Amino acid sequence: MKEAYLEITYRHGRPVAAYLYLPRNSRDRSYRTTKAAGGLVIDFARSGKPIGIEITAPTKVTTAGINRVLKELGFPPIKQSDLAPLRAA
């Protein structure tokens, strides 16, 4: 996967969890996790490469909060419109 993408899990029409997949190899799996501010959990592959960000409170997450984590990890920021599906429900 060459680009980041967002996956959202809904229950009764409301987002209950979300996951921002970061660019990675198809064989990469989560080996360890680290908690970040704002209800975010970062998944790392065995190699130490960040492969995704779990969003445990999708209705409370902010674009700025995710972008702070992305910057720390060396990834480009996302746009507010990238999180629009979280706000749609």
Protein backbone atom coordinates (compact mmCIF):
# COMPACT_ATOMS: atom_id res chain seq x y z
CA MET A 1 0.00 0.00 0.00
CA LYS A 2 1.50 3.28 -1.08
CA GLU A 3 -0.97 5.76 0.37
CA ALA A 4 -2.63 6.23 3.72
CA TYR A 5 -6.34 5.51 3.98
CA LEU A 6 -9.00 5.62 6.66
CA GLU A 7 -11.24 2.71 7.66
CA ILE A 8 -14.21 3.31 9.96
CA THR A 9 -16.32 0.86 11.95
CA TYR A 10 -19.91 1.94 12.57
CA ARG A 11 -22.53 0.68 14.98
CA HIS A 12 -26.11 1.87 14.66
CA GLY A 13 -24.95 4.51 12.19
CA ARG A 14 -22.32 6.03 14.49
CA PRO A 15 -18.54 5.62 14.23
CA VAL A 16 -17.21 3.54 17.13
CA ALA A 17 -13.64 3.03 15.93
CA ALA A 18 -11.41 4.04 13.06
CA TYR A 19 -8.00 3.10 11.73
CA LEU A 20 -5.66 5.19 9.62
CA TYR A 21 -3.56 2.78 7.58
CA LEU A 22 -0.13 4.20 6.82
CA PRO A 23 1.94 3.24 3.76
CA ARG A 24 3.39 -0.23 4.30
CA ASN A 25 4.19 -3.60 2.78
CA SER A 26 1.29 -6.03 2.48
CA ARG A 27 3.08 -8.45 4.82
CA ASP A 28 3.57 -5.94 7.66
CA ARG A 29 1.63 -6.81 10.82
CA SER A 30 1.35 -5.03 14.14
CA TYR A 31 4.14 -6.13 16.45
CA ARG A 32 3.89 -3.48 19.17
CA THR A 33 1.74 -0.47 20.01
CA THR A 34 2.26 2.87 21.67
CA LYS A 35 -0.43 5.14 23.07
CA ALA A 36 -0.52 8.74 21.92
CA ALA A 37 -2.58 11.69 23.12
CA GLY A 38 -6.21 12.07 22.18
CA GLY A 39 -7.18 8.40 22.14
CA LEU A 40 -4.74 7.41 19.42
CA VAL A 41 -2.77 4.15 19.39
CA ILE A 42 0.16 3.74 17.00
CA ASP A 43 0.90 0.30 15.56
CA PHE A 44 4.46 -0.61 14.61
CA ALA A 45 5.75 -3.47 12.48
CA ARG A 46 8.49 -5.77 13.78
CA SER A 47 11.00 -3.55 11.94
CA GLY A 48 9.88 -0.55 14.03
CA LYS A 49 8.16 1.15 11.10
CA PRO A 50 4.79 2.76 11.98
CA ILE A 51 2.04 1.05 10.00
CA GLY A 52 -1.19 2.54 11.34
CA ILE A 53 -2.98 4.69 13.86
CA GLU A 54 -5.98 3.35 15.74
CA ILE A 55 -8.53 6.04 16.57
CA THR A 56 -10.33 4.86 19.70
CA ALA A 57 -12.58 7.92 20.05
CA PRO A 58 -13.47 8.82 16.46
CA THR A 59 -16.07 11.45 17.38
CA LYS A 60 -13.52 13.33 19.50
CA VAL A 61 -10.40 13.14 17.34
CA THR A 62 -9.14 16.30 15.68
CA THR A 63 -7.20 16.77 12.49
CA ALA A 64 -4.59 18.71 14.47
CA GLY A 65 -4.20 15.81 16.92
CA ILE A 66 -3.64 13.27 14.17
CA ASN A 67 -1.28 15.62 12.32
CA ARG A 68 0.86 16.05 15.45
CA VAL A 69 1.33 12.28 15.59
CA LEU A 70 1.94 12.03 11.85
CA LYS A 71 4.59 14.75 12.06
CA GLU A 72 6.35 12.93 14.93
CA LEU A 73 6.34 9.76 12.81
CA GLY A 74 7.70 11.54 9.73
CA PHE A 75 4.53 11.39 7.62
CA PRO A 76 2.83 14.25 5.77
CA PRO A 77 -0.27 15.80 7.34
CA ILE A 78 -3.79 14.82 6.41
CA LYS A 79 -6.45 17.29 5.40
CA GLN A 80 -9.57 17.96 7.41
CA SER A 81 -11.56 16.60 4.48
CA ASP A 82 -9.80 13.24 4.95
CA LEU A 83 -11.63 12.88 8.27
CA ALA A 84 -14.99 13.99 6.84
CA PRO A 85 -16.46 10.45 6.98
CA LEU A 86 -16.08 10.53 10.77
CA ARG A 87 -18.22 13.65 10.92
CA ALA A 88 -20.85 12.45 8.46
CA ALA A 89 -22.65 10.09 10.83
